[in-house]
Amino acid sequence: MSALGHYLEEDGIATVAISLIRPQTEDTKPPRALWVPFELGRPFGPPSDPVFRKRVIITALRLLVREDGPVLIEDFSHDDPRAHPDPAWVPPFISTTVAASPPETLAVRLEAEMLLRGAHRRWVEQHRRTTVGLSGLSTTECARYVAD
């Protein structure tokens, strides 16, 4: 869209791009762009927050009245409000007691639930190869990594 913005601007149509990847925007040098620190696919922020999304749109539109170009890349000053960890969040399908337990306890429970471990071990013995475990971690270490 940044390159297209240049062509539209040549025909007298003002443009503003919403940028999710700042280095790409810096390379293409659009006439005006608002860089937003949101996940890919969410250029206006969280889908369930119309007030926040409106703030993004208004900030982008305000770039239209600025004349300090020819290339203007502005940073949006707010993060996605969901980007901050929620201390009350617990993993789904896990009781609050287990979720609040030390990571070691959760790792032991996770390792115990790895139901395909026996089938995987038999397959490796038969075929002498695997794509599982490329990290070099054992099953127990993987469980602890996931639990942490």
N, C-alpha and C. Protein backbone atom coordinates (compact mmCIF):
# COMPACT_ATOMS: atom_id res chain seq x y z
N MET A 1 0.81 -1.19 0.00
CA MET A 1 0.00 0.00 0.00
C MET A 1 0.86 1.26 0.00
N SER A 2 2.05 1.20 0.55
CA SER A 2 2.89 2.39 0.62
C SER A 2 3.24 2.90 -0.77
N ALA A 3 3.60 2.00 -1.68
CA ALA A 3 3.92 2.42 -3.04
C ALA A 3 2.69 2.98 -3.73
N LEU A 4 1.55 2.35 -3.52
CA LEU A 4 0.30 2.83 -4.11
C LEU A 4 -0.02 4.24 -3.61
N GLY A 5 0.31 4.51 -2.36
CA GLY A 5 0.08 5.83 -1.80
C GLY A 5 0.77 6.92 -2.60
N HIS A 6 1.96 6.66 -3.08
CA HIS A 6 2.69 7.65 -3.89
C HIS A 6 1.93 7.96 -5.18
N TYR A 7 1.41 6.93 -5.85
CA TYR A 7 0.67 7.14 -7.09
C TYR A 7 -0.62 7.91 -6.84
N LEU A 8 -1.33 7.56 -5.77
CA LEU A 8 -2.57 8.26 -5.45
C LEU A 8 -2.29 9.73 -5.12
N GLU A 9 -1.21 9.96 -4.38
CA GLU A 9 -0.86 11.33 -4.01
C GLU A 9 -0.51 12.16 -5.25
N GLU A 10 0.13 11.55 -6.25
CA GLU A 10 0.44 12.27 -7.50
C GLU A 10 -0.83 12.76 -8.19
N ASP A 11 -1.94 12.03 -7.98
CA ASP A 11 -3.22 12.42 -8.58
C ASP A 11 -4.05 13.29 -7.64
N GLY A 12 -3.43 13.75 -6.55
CA GLY A 12 -4.12 14.67 -5.65
C GLY A 12 -4.96 14.02 -4.57
N ILE A 13 -4.83 12.71 -4.37
CA ILE A 13 -5.61 12.02 -3.34
C ILE A 13 -4.68 11.76 -2.16
N ALA A 14 -4.99 12.36 -1.02
CA ALA A 14 -4.17 12.19 0.17
C ALA A 14 -4.35 10.77 0.73
N THR A 15 -3.25 10.20 1.23
CA THR A 15 -3.30 8.84 1.76
C THR A 15 -2.62 8.76 3.11
N VAL A 16 -3.04 7.77 3.88
CA VAL A 16 -2.40 7.42 5.14
C VAL A 16 -2.35 5.90 5.20
N ALA A 17 -1.20 5.36 5.48
CA ALA A 17 -1.06 3.91 5.63
C ALA A 17 -1.00 3.57 7.12
N ILE A 18 -1.54 2.41 7.46
CA ILE A 18 -1.38 1.87 8.81
C ILE A 18 -0.30 0.80 8.69
N SER A 19 0.74 0.95 9.47
CA SER A 19 1.90 0.07 9.36
C SER A 19 2.00 -0.87 10.56
N LEU A 20 2.16 -2.15 10.27
CA LEU A 20 2.38 -3.14 11.33
C LEU A 20 3.85 -3.56 11.40
N ILE A 21 4.60 -3.30 10.33
CA ILE A 21 6.00 -3.70 10.27
C ILE A 21 6.82 -2.46 9.95
N ARG A 22 7.39 -1.87 10.96
CA ARG A 22 8.07 -0.58 10.78
C ARG A 22 9.23 -0.63 9.77
N PRO A 23 10.12 -1.63 9.80
CA PRO A 23 11.22 -1.63 8.82
C PRO A 23 10.72 -1.64 7.37
N GLN A 24 9.65 -2.34 7.10
CA GLN A 24 9.09 -2.36 5.76
C GLN A 24 8.58 -0.97 5.39
N THR A 25 7.93 -0.31 6.34
CA THR A 25 7.41 1.04 6.10
C THR A 25 8.56 2.01 5.86
N GLU A 26 9.64 1.87 6.62
CA GLU A 26 10.80 2.74 6.43
C GLU A 26 11.42 2.53 5.06
N ASP A 27 11.39 1.29 4.58
CA ASP A 27 11.96 1.00 3.26
C ASP A 27 11.10 1.55 2.13
N THR A 28 9.78 1.47 2.27
CA THR A 28 8.90 1.90 1.18
C THR A 28 8.58 3.39 1.23
N LYS A 29 8.84 4.02 2.36
CA LYS A 29 8.68 5.48 2.51
C LYS A 29 7.34 6.01 1.99
N PRO A 30 6.24 5.65 2.63
CA PRO A 30 4.95 6.16 2.19
C PRO A 30 4.84 7.66 2.48
N PRO A 31 3.95 8.36 1.80
CA PRO A 31 3.77 9.78 2.09
C PRO A 31 3.43 10.02 3.57
N ARG A 32 2.52 9.22 4.11
CA ARG A 32 2.14 9.31 5.52
C ARG A 32 1.83 7.90 6.02
N ALA A 33 2.32 7.57 7.21
CA ALA A 33 2.02 6.26 7.78
C ALA A 33 1.98 6.35 9.29
N LEU A 34 1.09 5.57 9.87
CA LEU A 34 1.02 5.43 11.32
C LEU A 34 1.47 4.02 11.65
N TRP A 35 2.59 3.91 12.36
CA TRP A 35 3.06 2.58 12.78
C TRP A 35 2.36 2.24 14.09
N VAL A 36 1.78 1.05 14.13
CA VAL A 36 1.07 0.59 15.33
C VAL A 36 1.73 -0.67 15.86
N PRO A 37 1.88 -0.78 17.19
CA PRO A 37 2.58 -1.93 17.78
C PRO A 37 1.64 -3.09 18.09
N PHE A 38 0.85 -3.49 17.11
CA PHE A 38 -0.13 -4.55 17.34
C PHE A 38 0.27 -5.80 16.57
N GLU A 39 -0.35 -6.93 16.93
CA GLU A 39 -0.05 -8.17 16.24
C GLU A 39 -0.53 -8.09 14.79
N LEU A 40 0.12 -8.88 13.92
CA LEU A 40 -0.23 -8.88 12.51
C LEU A 40 -1.71 -9.24 12.34
N GLY A 41 -2.35 -8.56 11.42
CA GLY A 41 -3.76 -8.82 11.17
C GLY A 41 -4.70 -7.96 12.00
N ARG A 42 -4.15 -7.19 12.92
CA ARG A 42 -4.98 -6.33 13.78
C ARG A 42 -4.49 -4.89 13.72
N PRO A 43 -4.58 -4.24 12.55
CA PRO A 43 -4.00 -2.90 12.41
C PRO A 43 -4.68 -1.83 13.26
N PHE A 44 -5.90 -2.09 13.71
CA PHE A 44 -6.59 -1.09 14.53
C PHE A 44 -6.65 -1.50 15.99
N GLY A 45 -5.96 -2.57 16.37
CA GLY A 45 -5.96 -3.02 17.74
C GLY A 45 -6.98 -4.11 17.98
N PRO A 46 -7.36 -4.31 19.23
CA PRO A 46 -8.25 -5.42 19.57
C PRO A 46 -9.63 -5.26 18.92
N PRO A 47 -10.15 -6.35 18.35
CA PRO A 47 -11.42 -6.26 17.64
C PRO A 47 -12.61 -5.93 18.53
N SER A 48 -12.52 -6.19 19.80
CA SER A 48 -13.66 -5.99 20.69
C SER A 48 -13.59 -4.67 21.45
N ASP A 49 -12.79 -3.73 20.97
CA ASP A 49 -12.63 -2.46 21.68
C ASP A 49 -12.83 -1.29 20.70
N PRO A 50 -14.10 -0.94 20.39
CA PRO A 50 -14.35 0.09 19.39
C PRO A 50 -13.80 1.47 19.77
N VAL A 51 -13.74 1.78 21.04
CA VAL A 51 -13.21 3.08 21.47
C VAL A 51 -11.71 3.16 21.14
N PHE A 52 -10.98 2.09 21.43
CA PHE A 52 -9.55 2.05 21.15
C PHE A 52 -9.32 2.11 19.64
N ARG A 53 -10.10 1.34 18.87
CA ARG A 53 -9.95 1.31 17.41
C ARG A 53 -10.21 2.69 16.81
N LYS A 54 -11.19 3.39 17.34
CA LYS A 54 -11.49 4.74 16.86
C LYS A 54 -10.31 5.67 17.13
N ARG A 55 -9.64 5.49 18.27
CA ARG A 55 -8.46 6.31 18.60
C ARG A 55 -7.35 6.09 17.56
N VAL A 56 -7.18 4.84 17.13
CA VAL A 56 -6.17 4.54 16.10
C VAL A 56 -6.53 5.24 14.79
N ILE A 57 -7.78 5.13 14.38
CA ILE A 57 -8.22 5.73 13.12
C ILE A 57 -8.08 7.25 13.16
N ILE A 58 -8.50 7.87 14.24
CA ILE A 58 -8.39 9.33 14.35
C ILE A 58 -6.93 9.77 14.33
N THR A 59 -6.07 9.03 15.01
CA THR A 59 -4.64 9.36 15.00
C THR A 59 -4.09 9.29 13.58
N ALA A 60 -4.50 8.26 12.83
CA ALA A 60 -4.04 8.13 11.45
C ALA A 60 -4.57 9.28 10.59
N LEU A 61 -5.83 9.60 10.74
CA LEU A 61 -6.41 10.68 9.94
C LEU A 61 -5.80 12.04 10.24
N ARG A 62 -5.36 12.24 11.46
CA ARG A 62 -4.71 13.52 11.82
C ARG A 62 -3.41 13.73 11.05
N LEU A 63 -2.83 12.66 10.55
CA LEU A 63 -1.61 12.80 9.75
C LEU A 63 -1.89 13.52 8.44
N LEU A 64 -3.13 13.53 8.00
CA LEU A 64 -3.48 14.17 6.73
C LEU A 64 -3.27 15.69 6.75
N VAL A 65 -3.36 16.30 7.92
CA VAL A 65 -3.21 17.76 7.99
C VAL A 65 -1.77 18.19 8.23
N ARG A 66 -0.89 17.24 8.48
CA ARG A 66 0.52 17.59 8.71
C ARG A 66 1.22 17.84 7.39
N GLU A 67 2.16 18.75 7.42
CA GLU A 67 2.87 19.10 6.19
C GLU A 67 4.38 18.94 6.34
N ASP A 68 4.81 18.12 7.28
CA ASP A 68 6.25 17.98 7.50
C ASP A 68 6.81 16.75 6.78
N GLY A 69 6.30 16.43 5.60
CA GLY A 69 6.76 15.32 4.79
C GLY A 69 8.00 15.68 4.00
N PRO A 70 8.31 15.07 2.91
CA PRO A 70 7.43 14.30 2.05
C PRO A 70 7.14 12.89 2.57
N VAL A 71 7.93 12.39 3.49
CA VAL A 71 7.66 11.08 4.09
C VAL A 71 7.47 11.30 5.58
N LEU A 72 6.36 10.78 6.08
CA LEU A 72 6.04 10.96 7.49
C LEU A 72 5.63 9.61 8.08
N ILE A 73 6.40 9.15 9.06
CA ILE A 73 6.05 7.91 9.76
C ILE A 73 5.92 8.27 11.23
N GLU A 74 4.72 8.14 11.72
CA GLU A 74 4.41 8.47 13.11
C GLU A 74 4.19 7.17 13.89
N ASP A 75 4.66 7.13 15.14
CA ASP A 75 4.43 5.96 16.00
C ASP A 75 3.16 6.17 16.82
N PHE A 76 2.29 5.16 16.83
CA PHE A 76 1.12 5.22 17.68
C PHE A 76 1.59 5.07 19.12
N SER A 77 1.10 5.90 20.00
CA SER A 77 1.67 5.99 21.35
C SER A 77 1.09 5.02 22.36
N HIS A 78 0.15 4.17 21.95
CA HIS A 78 -0.47 3.25 22.91
C HIS A 78 -0.29 1.81 22.46
N ASP A 79 -0.06 0.93 23.41
CA ASP A 79 0.01 -0.50 23.11
C ASP A 79 -1.39 -1.09 23.13
N ASP A 80 -1.52 -2.28 22.57
CA ASP A 80 -2.77 -3.02 22.64
C ASP A 80 -3.07 -3.24 24.13
N PRO A 81 -4.25 -2.83 24.60
CA PRO A 81 -4.53 -2.97 26.03
C PRO A 81 -4.53 -4.41 26.51
N ARG A 82 -4.67 -5.35 25.59
CA ARG A 82 -4.63 -6.76 25.99
C ARG A 82 -3.21 -7.29 26.08
N ALA A 83 -2.23 -6.50 25.68
CA ALA A 83 -0.85 -6.97 25.66
C ALA A 83 -0.28 -7.13 27.06
N HIS A 84 -0.92 -6.57 28.05
CA HIS A 84 -0.43 -6.68 29.41
C HIS A 84 -0.97 -7.97 30.05
N PRO A 85 -0.11 -8.71 30.74
CA PRO A 85 -0.56 -9.97 31.32
C PRO A 85 -1.68 -9.74 32.34
N ASP A 86 -2.62 -10.65 32.32
CA ASP A 86 -3.72 -10.61 33.27
C ASP A 86 -3.38 -11.56 34.41
N PRO A 87 -3.14 -11.03 35.62
CA PRO A 87 -2.74 -11.91 36.73
C PRO A 87 -3.82 -12.91 37.12
N ALA A 88 -5.06 -12.69 36.73
CA ALA A 88 -6.14 -13.62 37.07
C ALA A 88 -6.29 -14.74 36.04
N TRP A 89 -5.52 -14.68 34.92
CA TRP A 89 -5.67 -15.68 33.88
C TRP A 89 -5.14 -17.03 34.34
N VAL A 90 -5.87 -18.09 34.02
CA VAL A 90 -5.41 -19.46 34.26
C VAL A 90 -5.59 -20.24 32.97
N PRO A 91 -4.74 -21.22 32.72
CA PRO A 91 -4.88 -22.01 31.50
C PRO A 91 -6.25 -22.69 31.47
N PRO A 92 -6.84 -22.81 30.28
CA PRO A 92 -8.15 -23.47 30.21
C PRO A 92 -8.04 -24.94 30.54
N PHE A 93 -9.09 -25.49 31.08
CA PHE A 93 -9.21 -26.91 31.41
C PHE A 93 -8.27 -27.36 32.51
N ILE A 94 -7.69 -26.43 33.24
CA ILE A 94 -6.84 -26.78 34.37
C ILE A 94 -7.43 -26.10 35.60
N SER A 95 -7.56 -26.85 36.67
CA SER A 95 -8.16 -26.28 37.86
C SER A 95 -7.29 -25.14 38.40
N THR A 96 -7.91 -24.23 39.10
CA THR A 96 -7.19 -23.09 39.67
C THR A 96 -6.10 -23.56 40.61
N THR A 97 -6.36 -24.65 41.35
CA THR A 97 -5.37 -25.18 42.29
C THR A 97 -4.12 -25.65 41.56
N VAL A 98 -4.31 -26.40 40.46
CA VAL A 98 -3.16 -26.90 39.69
C VAL A 98 -2.43 -25.73 39.03
N ALA A 99 -3.17 -24.79 38.46
CA ALA A 99 -2.55 -23.65 37.78
C ALA A 99 -1.72 -22.81 38.74
N ALA A 100 -2.14 -22.75 39.99
CA ALA A 100 -1.41 -21.95 40.98
C ALA A 100 -0.27 -22.72 41.62
N SER A 101 -0.15 -24.01 41.31
CA SER A 101 0.91 -24.83 41.92
C SER A 101 2.25 -24.48 41.29
N PRO A 102 3.35 -24.88 41.93
CA PRO A 102 4.69 -24.60 41.37
C PRO A 102 4.85 -25.24 39.99
N PRO A 103 5.68 -24.64 39.13
CA PRO A 103 5.87 -25.18 37.78
C PRO A 103 6.30 -26.65 37.78
N GLU A 104 7.05 -27.07 38.78
CA GLU A 104 7.51 -28.46 38.83
C GLU A 104 6.32 -29.41 38.92
N THR A 105 5.32 -29.04 39.72
CA THR A 105 4.14 -29.89 39.87
C THR A 105 3.37 -29.95 38.56
N LEU A 106 3.22 -28.81 37.92
CA LEU A 106 2.53 -28.77 36.64
C LEU A 106 3.30 -29.58 35.60
N ALA A 107 4.62 -29.52 35.63
CA ALA A 107 5.44 -30.27 34.68
C ALA A 107 5.25 -31.77 34.87
N VAL A 108 5.19 -32.22 36.10
CA VAL A 108 4.99 -33.65 36.38
C VAL A 108 3.63 -34.10 35.84
N ARG A 109 2.60 -33.29 36.08
CA ARG A 109 1.27 -33.64 35.59
C ARG A 109 1.24 -33.64 34.06
N LEU A 110 1.91 -32.67 33.45
CA LEU A 110 1.95 -32.59 32.00
C LEU A 110 2.66 -33.80 31.41
N GLU A 111 3.78 -34.17 31.99
CA GLU A 111 4.53 -35.33 31.50
C GLU A 111 3.69 -36.60 31.63
N ALA A 112 2.94 -36.71 32.71
CA ALA A 112 2.10 -37.89 32.91
C ALA A 112 0.99 -37.97 31.87
N GLU A 113 0.60 -36.83 31.31
CA GLU A 113 -0.48 -36.82 30.33
C GLU A 113 0.01 -36.98 28.89
N MET A 114 1.29 -37.11 28.68
CA MET A 114 1.82 -37.30 27.33
C MET A 114 1.55 -38.75 26.91
N LEU A 115 0.32 -38.99 26.47
CA LEU A 115 -0.18 -40.34 26.22
C LEU A 115 0.51 -41.05 25.06
N LEU A 116 1.06 -40.33 24.13
CA LEU A 116 1.66 -40.94 22.95
C LEU A 116 3.13 -41.28 23.13
N ARG A 117 3.65 -41.06 24.32
CA ARG A 117 5.08 -41.29 24.53
C ARG A 117 5.48 -42.73 24.23
N GLY A 118 4.69 -43.70 24.67
CA GLY A 118 5.01 -45.11 24.42
C GLY A 118 4.98 -45.44 22.94
N ALA A 119 3.95 -44.96 22.25
CA ALA A 119 3.83 -45.20 20.81
C ALA A 119 5.00 -44.56 20.06
N HIS A 120 5.38 -43.38 20.50
CA HIS A 120 6.52 -42.70 19.86
C HIS A 120 7.81 -43.48 20.07
N ARG A 121 8.02 -43.96 21.29
CA ARG A 121 9.23 -44.72 21.58
C ARG A 121 9.30 -45.97 20.70
N ARG A 122 8.17 -46.69 20.53
CA ARG A 122 8.16 -47.89 19.69
C ARG A 122 8.45 -47.53 18.22
N TRP A 123 7.90 -46.42 17.73
CA TRP A 123 8.13 -46.01 16.36
C TRP A 123 9.61 -45.70 16.14
N VAL A 124 10.23 -45.00 17.07
CA VAL A 124 11.66 -44.66 16.95
C VAL A 124 12.50 -45.93 16.96
N GLU A 125 12.16 -46.88 17.81
CA GLU A 125 12.91 -48.14 17.85
C GLU A 125 12.81 -48.87 16.51
N GLN A 126 11.63 -48.84 15.90
CA GLN A 126 11.43 -49.54 14.64
C GLN A 126 12.09 -48.81 13.47
N HIS A 127 12.00 -47.49 13.41
CA HIS A 127 12.48 -46.73 12.25
C HIS A 127 13.84 -46.08 12.46
N ARG A 128 14.31 -46.04 13.68
CA ARG A 128 15.62 -45.48 14.01
C ARG A 128 15.77 -44.00 13.66
N ARG A 129 14.67 -43.28 13.64
CA ARG A 129 14.74 -41.84 13.41
C ARG A 129 13.49 -41.17 13.98
N THR A 130 13.60 -39.85 14.15
CA THR A 130 12.46 -39.07 14.62
C THR A 130 12.68 -37.59 14.29
N THR A 131 11.60 -36.87 14.17
CA THR A 131 11.70 -35.42 14.04
C THR A 131 11.31 -34.76 15.36
N VAL A 132 10.92 -35.56 16.31
CA VAL A 132 10.57 -35.05 17.63
C VAL A 132 11.85 -34.96 18.45
N GLY A 133 12.00 -33.87 19.15
CA GLY A 133 13.16 -33.74 20.01
C GLY A 133 14.34 -33.06 19.36
N LEU A 134 14.14 -32.33 18.30
CA LEU A 134 15.25 -31.64 17.65
C LEU A 134 15.90 -30.63 18.58
N SER A 135 15.17 -30.22 19.62
CA SER A 135 15.74 -29.27 20.58
C SER A 135 16.82 -29.92 21.43
N GLY A 136 16.83 -31.24 21.47
CA GLY A 136 17.79 -31.93 22.33
C GLY A 136 17.28 -32.12 23.75
N LEU A 137 16.09 -31.63 24.04
CA LEU A 137 15.52 -31.77 25.38
C LEU A 137 14.83 -33.13 25.51
N SER A 138 14.90 -33.70 26.68
CA SER A 138 14.17 -34.94 26.95
C SER A 138 12.69 -34.61 27.10
N THR A 139 11.86 -35.65 27.13
CA THR A 139 10.43 -35.44 27.33
C THR A 139 10.17 -34.70 28.64
N THR A 140 10.88 -35.09 29.68
CA THR A 140 10.72 -34.43 30.97
C THR A 140 11.11 -32.96 30.88
N GLU A 141 12.23 -32.68 30.22
CA GLU A 141 12.67 -31.29 30.08
C GLU A 141 11.68 -30.47 29.25
N CYS A 142 11.10 -31.08 28.21
CA CYS A 142 10.09 -30.39 27.40
C CYS A 142 8.87 -30.06 28.26
N ALA A 143 8.43 -31.01 29.08
CA ALA A 143 7.29 -30.78 29.96
C ALA A 143 7.58 -29.63 30.90
N ARG A 144 8.77 -29.60 31.45
CA ARG A 144 9.13 -28.50 32.37
C ARG A 144 9.18 -27.16 31.62
N TYR A 145 9.70 -27.19 30.38
CA TYR A 145 9.75 -25.97 29.57
C TYR A 145 8.34 -25.43 29.32
N VAL A 146 7.43 -26.31 28.92
CA VAL A 146 6.06 -25.90 28.64
C VAL A 146 5.40 -25.40 29.93
N ALA A 147 5.61 -26.09 31.03
CA ALA A 147 5.00 -25.70 32.30
C ALA A 147 5.52 -24.34 32.77
N ASP A 148 6.81 -24.10 32.55
CA ASP A 148 7.38 -22.80 32.96
C ASP A 148 6.76 -21.67 32.15
